[in-house]
Amino acid sequence: MPEAIALVAGDCLYKLVPAGAVPGKYSAFFATADEMSMLKGMSFDQLCDRIGFPLESQQTRRFDIYEVTAKHAITVFASTIAGTTQNGYRQSGGGTQTMITNRSAFSVPVLIGTFPCA
């Protein structure tokens, strides 16, 4: 079951997208700063496995990092990313995703950097 997490105005969440892409207007899944820290130093394959990136999103070796900021207090929901299988390729999952149920409560995504894989 997802865990409810209370955020306050100014709290930030993050999203990795393939380099050159932008998060969709209604994209709901982000990560906390703690989860982003856990990804540092991982190889490309380890990172993709942990967060369950679809194969079509793995056509780059770099990811851009976007940040959204809560405009006011809001509850978001964290859950463990399940394992996936796509075209016979299995990913273990295991990362934590944070779901925003009301994107209008957050700023527009701002590009803050790139995420190099080890």
N, C-alpha and C. Protein backbone atom coordinates (compact mmCIF):
# COMPACT_ATOMS: atom_id res chain seq x y z
N MET A 1 0.83 -1.18 0.00
CA MET A 1 0.00 0.00 0.00
C MET A 1 0.88 1.25 0.00
N PRO A 2 0.49 2.25 -0.78
CA PRO A 2 1.25 3.50 -0.78
C PRO A 2 1.22 4.17 0.60
N GLU A 3 2.29 4.87 0.89
CA GLU A 3 2.42 5.60 2.15
C GLU A 3 2.16 7.08 1.89
N ALA A 4 1.26 7.67 2.66
CA ALA A 4 0.97 9.10 2.54
C ALA A 4 2.13 9.90 3.13
N ILE A 5 2.55 10.93 2.41
CA ILE A 5 3.63 11.80 2.86
C ILE A 5 3.13 13.24 2.77
N ALA A 6 3.21 13.95 3.87
CA ALA A 6 2.78 15.35 3.90
C ALA A 6 3.95 16.25 3.48
N LEU A 7 3.72 17.06 2.46
CA LEU A 7 4.70 18.04 2.04
C LEU A 7 4.21 19.43 2.44
N VAL A 8 5.14 20.34 2.60
CA VAL A 8 4.80 21.74 2.87
C VAL A 8 5.24 22.58 1.69
N ALA A 9 4.73 23.79 1.63
CA ALA A 9 5.12 24.71 0.56
C ALA A 9 6.65 24.81 0.51
N GLY A 10 7.19 24.69 -0.70
CA GLY A 10 8.64 24.77 -0.88
C GLY A 10 9.34 23.43 -0.98
N ASP A 11 8.67 22.34 -0.56
CA ASP A 11 9.28 21.01 -0.71
C ASP A 11 9.38 20.67 -2.19
N CYS A 12 10.45 19.97 -2.54
CA CYS A 12 10.71 19.65 -3.95
C CYS A 12 10.68 18.14 -4.19
N LEU A 13 10.29 17.78 -5.40
CA LEU A 13 10.37 16.42 -5.89
C LEU A 13 11.10 16.46 -7.23
N TYR A 14 11.61 15.31 -7.66
CA TYR A 14 12.48 15.25 -8.82
C TYR A 14 12.03 14.17 -9.79
N LYS A 15 12.39 14.36 -11.06
CA LYS A 15 12.05 13.38 -12.09
C LYS A 15 13.22 13.25 -13.05
N LEU A 16 13.58 12.01 -13.36
CA LEU A 16 14.58 11.72 -14.39
C LEU A 16 13.85 11.44 -15.68
N VAL A 17 14.29 12.06 -16.75
CA VAL A 17 13.74 11.81 -18.09
C VAL A 17 14.92 11.62 -19.04
N PRO A 18 14.71 10.91 -20.15
CA PRO A 18 15.81 10.79 -21.12
C PRO A 18 16.29 12.18 -21.54
N ALA A 19 17.59 12.32 -21.71
CA ALA A 19 18.17 13.61 -22.08
C ALA A 19 17.43 14.22 -23.28
N GLY A 20 17.05 15.48 -23.14
CA GLY A 20 16.37 16.19 -24.22
C GLY A 20 14.85 16.11 -24.13
N ALA A 21 14.32 15.23 -23.29
CA ALA A 21 12.87 15.11 -23.13
C ALA A 21 12.42 16.01 -21.97
N VAL A 22 11.12 16.19 -21.85
CA VAL A 22 10.55 16.94 -20.73
C VAL A 22 9.44 16.10 -20.10
N PRO A 23 9.21 16.28 -18.79
CA PRO A 23 8.10 15.54 -18.17
C PRO A 23 6.77 15.95 -18.79
N GLY A 24 5.90 15.00 -18.98
CA GLY A 24 4.58 15.30 -19.50
C GLY A 24 3.79 16.17 -18.53
N LYS A 25 2.84 16.92 -19.07
CA LYS A 25 2.04 17.84 -18.26
C LYS A 25 1.33 17.12 -17.11
N TYR A 26 0.93 15.88 -17.34
CA TYR A 26 0.19 15.14 -16.32
C TYR A 26 1.00 14.02 -15.68
N SER A 27 2.30 14.00 -15.95
CA SER A 27 3.17 12.98 -15.37
C SER A 27 3.06 13.04 -13.84
N ALA A 28 2.77 11.91 -13.24
CA ALA A 28 2.49 11.89 -11.81
C ALA A 28 3.62 11.34 -10.94
N PHE A 29 4.56 10.63 -11.53
CA PHE A 29 5.55 9.93 -10.72
C PHE A 29 6.88 10.67 -10.66
N PHE A 30 7.29 10.96 -9.43
CA PHE A 30 8.51 11.71 -9.16
C PHE A 30 9.30 10.98 -8.09
N ALA A 31 10.37 11.59 -7.61
CA ALA A 31 11.20 10.99 -6.56
C ALA A 31 11.57 12.05 -5.54
N THR A 32 11.82 11.60 -4.33
CA THR A 32 12.29 12.50 -3.28
C THR A 32 13.80 12.71 -3.44
N ALA A 33 14.33 13.68 -2.72
CA ALA A 33 15.78 13.91 -2.73
C ALA A 33 16.51 12.68 -2.19
N ASP A 34 15.94 12.00 -1.19
CA ASP A 34 16.57 10.79 -0.65
C ASP A 34 16.68 9.71 -1.70
N GLU A 35 15.61 9.51 -2.48
CA GLU A 35 15.65 8.49 -3.53
C GLU A 35 16.67 8.87 -4.60
N MET A 36 16.73 10.15 -4.96
CA MET A 36 17.73 10.58 -5.96
C MET A 36 19.14 10.31 -5.44
N SER A 37 19.38 10.53 -4.16
CA SER A 37 20.70 10.27 -3.58
C SER A 37 21.06 8.79 -3.67
N MET A 38 20.06 7.92 -3.51
CA MET A 38 20.31 6.48 -3.59
C MET A 38 20.73 6.06 -5.00
N LEU A 39 20.36 6.83 -6.01
CA LEU A 39 20.68 6.49 -7.39
C LEU A 39 22.10 6.87 -7.78
N LYS A 40 22.69 7.80 -7.04
CA LYS A 40 24.04 8.27 -7.36
C LYS A 40 25.04 7.13 -7.31
N GLY A 41 25.89 7.08 -8.32
CA GLY A 41 26.92 6.06 -8.38
C GLY A 41 26.47 4.75 -9.01
N MET A 42 25.17 4.64 -9.33
CA MET A 42 24.69 3.41 -9.98
C MET A 42 25.07 3.42 -11.45
N SER A 43 25.26 2.22 -11.98
CA SER A 43 25.48 2.11 -13.42
C SER A 43 24.16 2.39 -14.13
N PHE A 44 24.23 2.59 -15.42
CA PHE A 44 23.03 2.83 -16.24
C PHE A 44 22.03 1.70 -16.06
N ASP A 45 22.49 0.45 -16.15
CA ASP A 45 21.61 -0.70 -16.02
C ASP A 45 20.99 -0.80 -14.63
N GLN A 46 21.79 -0.54 -13.59
CA GLN A 46 21.26 -0.59 -12.22
C GLN A 46 20.17 0.47 -12.02
N LEU A 47 20.42 1.66 -12.52
CA LEU A 47 19.44 2.74 -12.39
C LEU A 47 18.15 2.39 -13.11
N CYS A 48 18.26 1.94 -14.36
CA CYS A 48 17.06 1.59 -15.14
C CYS A 48 16.29 0.46 -14.48
N ASP A 49 17.00 -0.52 -13.92
CA ASP A 49 16.33 -1.62 -13.22
C ASP A 49 15.59 -1.12 -11.98
N ARG A 50 16.23 -0.28 -11.20
CA ARG A 50 15.64 0.19 -9.94
C ARG A 50 14.38 1.02 -10.16
N ILE A 51 14.39 1.86 -11.20
CA ILE A 51 13.23 2.73 -11.40
C ILE A 51 12.30 2.24 -12.51
N GLY A 52 12.64 1.12 -13.12
CA GLY A 52 11.73 0.51 -14.10
C GLY A 52 11.51 1.33 -15.35
N PHE A 53 12.56 2.00 -15.83
CA PHE A 53 12.42 2.78 -17.06
C PHE A 53 11.98 1.89 -18.22
N PRO A 54 10.95 2.29 -18.97
CA PRO A 54 10.56 1.53 -20.16
C PRO A 54 11.73 1.45 -21.14
N LEU A 55 11.79 0.40 -21.92
CA LEU A 55 12.90 0.22 -22.87
C LEU A 55 13.05 1.41 -23.81
N GLU A 56 11.92 1.99 -24.25
CA GLU A 56 12.02 3.13 -25.18
C GLU A 56 12.65 4.35 -24.52
N SER A 57 12.67 4.41 -23.20
CA SER A 57 13.31 5.52 -22.50
C SER A 57 14.78 5.25 -22.23
N GLN A 58 15.26 4.07 -22.61
CA GLN A 58 16.65 3.71 -22.36
C GLN A 58 17.53 3.88 -23.60
N GLN A 59 17.11 4.69 -24.52
CA GLN A 59 17.87 4.90 -25.75
C GLN A 59 18.93 5.98 -25.59
N THR A 60 19.13 6.46 -24.40
CA THR A 60 20.14 7.46 -24.10
C THR A 60 20.97 6.95 -22.93
N ARG A 61 22.13 7.47 -22.76
CA ARG A 61 22.96 7.09 -21.61
C ARG A 61 22.97 8.21 -20.57
N ARG A 62 22.17 9.24 -20.81
CA ARG A 62 22.10 10.38 -19.89
C ARG A 62 20.64 10.69 -19.60
N PHE A 63 20.40 11.19 -18.42
CA PHE A 63 19.06 11.61 -18.05
C PHE A 63 19.11 13.05 -17.56
N ASP A 64 18.08 13.80 -17.89
CA ASP A 64 17.93 15.15 -17.36
C ASP A 64 17.15 15.05 -16.05
N ILE A 65 17.46 15.95 -15.13
CA ILE A 65 16.78 16.00 -13.84
C ILE A 65 15.88 17.24 -13.82
N TYR A 66 14.61 17.00 -13.55
CA TYR A 66 13.65 18.10 -13.40
C TYR A 66 13.19 18.16 -11.96
N GLU A 67 12.91 19.38 -11.52
CA GLU A 67 12.45 19.62 -10.15
C GLU A 67 11.10 20.31 -10.20
N VAL A 68 10.19 19.87 -9.33
CA VAL A 68 8.93 20.58 -9.11
C VAL A 68 8.87 20.95 -7.64
N THR A 69 8.23 22.09 -7.35
CA THR A 69 8.15 22.60 -5.99
C THR A 69 6.69 22.73 -5.57
N ALA A 70 6.39 22.24 -4.37
CA ALA A 70 5.03 22.35 -3.84
C ALA A 70 4.69 23.81 -3.60
N LYS A 71 3.52 24.22 -4.10
CA LYS A 71 3.05 25.60 -3.91
C LYS A 71 2.43 25.80 -2.54
N HIS A 72 1.93 24.73 -1.95
CA HIS A 72 1.29 24.77 -0.64
C HIS A 72 1.34 23.37 -0.04
N ALA A 73 0.88 23.23 1.17
CA ALA A 73 0.87 21.90 1.81
C ALA A 73 0.02 20.94 0.99
N ILE A 74 0.53 19.73 0.81
CA ILE A 74 -0.17 18.72 0.02
C ILE A 74 0.31 17.33 0.44
N THR A 75 -0.53 16.35 0.27
CA THR A 75 -0.16 14.97 0.55
C THR A 75 0.15 14.28 -0.77
N VAL A 76 1.28 13.59 -0.81
CA VAL A 76 1.67 12.76 -1.95
C VAL A 76 1.78 11.33 -1.44
N PHE A 77 1.99 10.38 -2.34
CA PHE A 77 1.98 8.98 -1.95
C PHE A 77 3.22 8.26 -2.49
N ALA A 78 3.94 7.60 -1.59
CA ALA A 78 5.15 6.87 -1.96
C ALA A 78 4.86 5.37 -1.99
N SER A 79 5.44 4.70 -2.97
CA SER A 79 5.30 3.25 -3.06
C SER A 79 6.55 2.67 -3.71
N THR A 80 6.71 1.38 -3.53
CA THR A 80 7.85 0.67 -4.12
C THR A 80 7.54 0.36 -5.57
N ILE A 81 8.51 0.59 -6.43
CA ILE A 81 8.37 0.31 -7.86
C ILE A 81 8.45 -1.20 -8.06
N ALA A 82 7.44 -1.74 -8.70
CA ALA A 82 7.37 -3.18 -8.95
C ALA A 82 8.32 -3.58 -10.08
N GLY A 83 8.69 -4.83 -10.10
CA GLY A 83 9.46 -5.37 -11.21
C GLY A 83 8.62 -5.35 -12.48
N THR A 84 9.28 -5.29 -13.62
CA THR A 84 8.57 -5.27 -14.90
C THR A 84 9.23 -6.23 -15.87
N THR A 85 8.46 -6.62 -16.88
CA THR A 85 9.01 -7.37 -18.00
C THR A 85 8.46 -6.75 -19.28
N GLN A 86 9.36 -6.42 -20.19
CA GLN A 86 8.96 -5.83 -21.46
C GLN A 86 9.76 -6.49 -22.58
N ASN A 87 9.07 -7.11 -23.51
CA ASN A 87 9.73 -7.80 -24.62
C ASN A 87 10.77 -8.81 -24.13
N GLY A 88 10.45 -9.49 -23.03
CA GLY A 88 11.36 -10.48 -22.48
C GLY A 88 12.46 -9.93 -21.60
N TYR A 89 12.58 -8.62 -21.49
CA TYR A 89 13.62 -7.98 -20.68
C TYR A 89 13.04 -7.70 -19.30
N ARG A 90 13.66 -8.25 -18.27
CA ARG A 90 13.15 -8.10 -16.90
C ARG A 90 13.93 -7.06 -16.14
N GLN A 91 13.18 -6.22 -15.41
CA GLN A 91 13.78 -5.24 -14.51
C GLN A 91 13.25 -5.52 -13.10
N SER A 92 14.12 -5.44 -12.12
CA SER A 92 13.77 -5.83 -10.76
C SER A 92 12.94 -4.81 -10.00
N GLY A 93 13.02 -3.53 -10.37
CA GLY A 93 12.32 -2.50 -9.60
C GLY A 93 12.99 -2.32 -8.26
N GLY A 94 12.20 -1.93 -7.25
CA GLY A 94 12.74 -1.79 -5.90
C GLY A 94 12.96 -0.36 -5.46
N GLY A 95 12.96 0.59 -6.41
CA GLY A 95 13.08 1.99 -6.04
C GLY A 95 11.78 2.49 -5.43
N THR A 96 11.79 3.73 -5.00
CA THR A 96 10.58 4.34 -4.44
C THR A 96 10.12 5.44 -5.36
N GLN A 97 8.85 5.38 -5.74
CA GLN A 97 8.26 6.44 -6.56
C GLN A 97 7.28 7.22 -5.71
N THR A 98 7.20 8.50 -5.97
CA THR A 98 6.29 9.37 -5.24
C THR A 98 5.27 9.90 -6.22
N MET A 99 3.99 9.61 -5.93
CA MET A 99 2.93 9.98 -6.85
C MET A 99 2.27 11.29 -6.41
N ILE A 100 2.21 12.22 -7.36
CA ILE A 100 1.51 13.49 -7.16
C ILE A 100 0.12 13.32 -7.76
N THR A 101 -0.90 13.51 -6.95
CA THR A 101 -2.27 13.36 -7.45
C THR A 101 -2.85 14.68 -7.96
N ASN A 102 -2.18 15.79 -7.67
CA ASN A 102 -2.66 17.10 -8.13
C ASN A 102 -1.46 17.92 -8.59
N ARG A 103 -1.09 17.79 -9.87
CA ARG A 103 0.08 18.49 -10.38
C ARG A 103 -0.06 20.01 -10.30
N SER A 104 -1.29 20.52 -10.29
CA SER A 104 -1.47 21.97 -10.22
C SER A 104 -1.01 22.53 -8.87
N ALA A 105 -0.79 21.67 -7.88
CA ALA A 105 -0.29 22.10 -6.59
C ALA A 105 1.23 22.27 -6.60
N PHE A 106 1.86 22.03 -7.76
CA PHE A 106 3.31 22.12 -7.90
C PHE A 106 3.66 23.09 -9.02
N SER A 107 4.87 23.60 -8.95
CA SER A 107 5.39 24.45 -10.03
C SER A 107 5.53 23.64 -11.31
N VAL A 108 5.74 24.33 -12.40
CA VAL A 108 6.08 23.63 -13.64
C VAL A 108 7.46 23.02 -13.45
N PRO A 109 7.76 21.89 -14.10
CA PRO A 109 9.07 21.28 -13.95
C PRO A 109 10.19 22.18 -14.48
N VAL A 110 11.26 22.26 -13.70
CA VAL A 110 12.42 23.09 -14.06
C VAL A 110 13.62 22.17 -14.22
N LEU A 111 14.30 22.28 -15.35
CA LEU A 111 15.52 21.50 -15.58
C LEU A 111 16.61 22.00 -14.64
N ILE A 112 17.16 21.08 -13.83
CA ILE A 112 18.20 21.50 -12.88
C ILE A 112 19.54 20.84 -13.13
N GLY A 113 19.60 19.91 -14.09
CA GLY A 113 20.89 19.28 -14.36
C GLY A 113 20.72 17.97 -15.11
N THR A 114 21.83 17.26 -15.23
CA THR A 114 21.81 15.95 -15.87
C THR A 114 22.30 14.93 -14.85
N PHE A 115 21.88 13.70 -15.06
CA PHE A 115 22.25 12.62 -14.15
C PHE A 115 23.19 11.68 -14.89
N PRO A 116 24.46 11.76 -14.58
CA PRO A 116 25.40 10.84 -15.23
C PRO A 116 25.37 9.49 -14.55
N CYS A 117 25.38 8.45 -15.32
CA CYS A 117 25.47 7.10 -14.76
C CYS A 117 26.93 6.71 -14.65
N ALA A 118 27.23 5.90 -13.65
CA ALA A 118 28.61 5.47 -13.41
C ALA A 118 29.08 4.57 -14.54
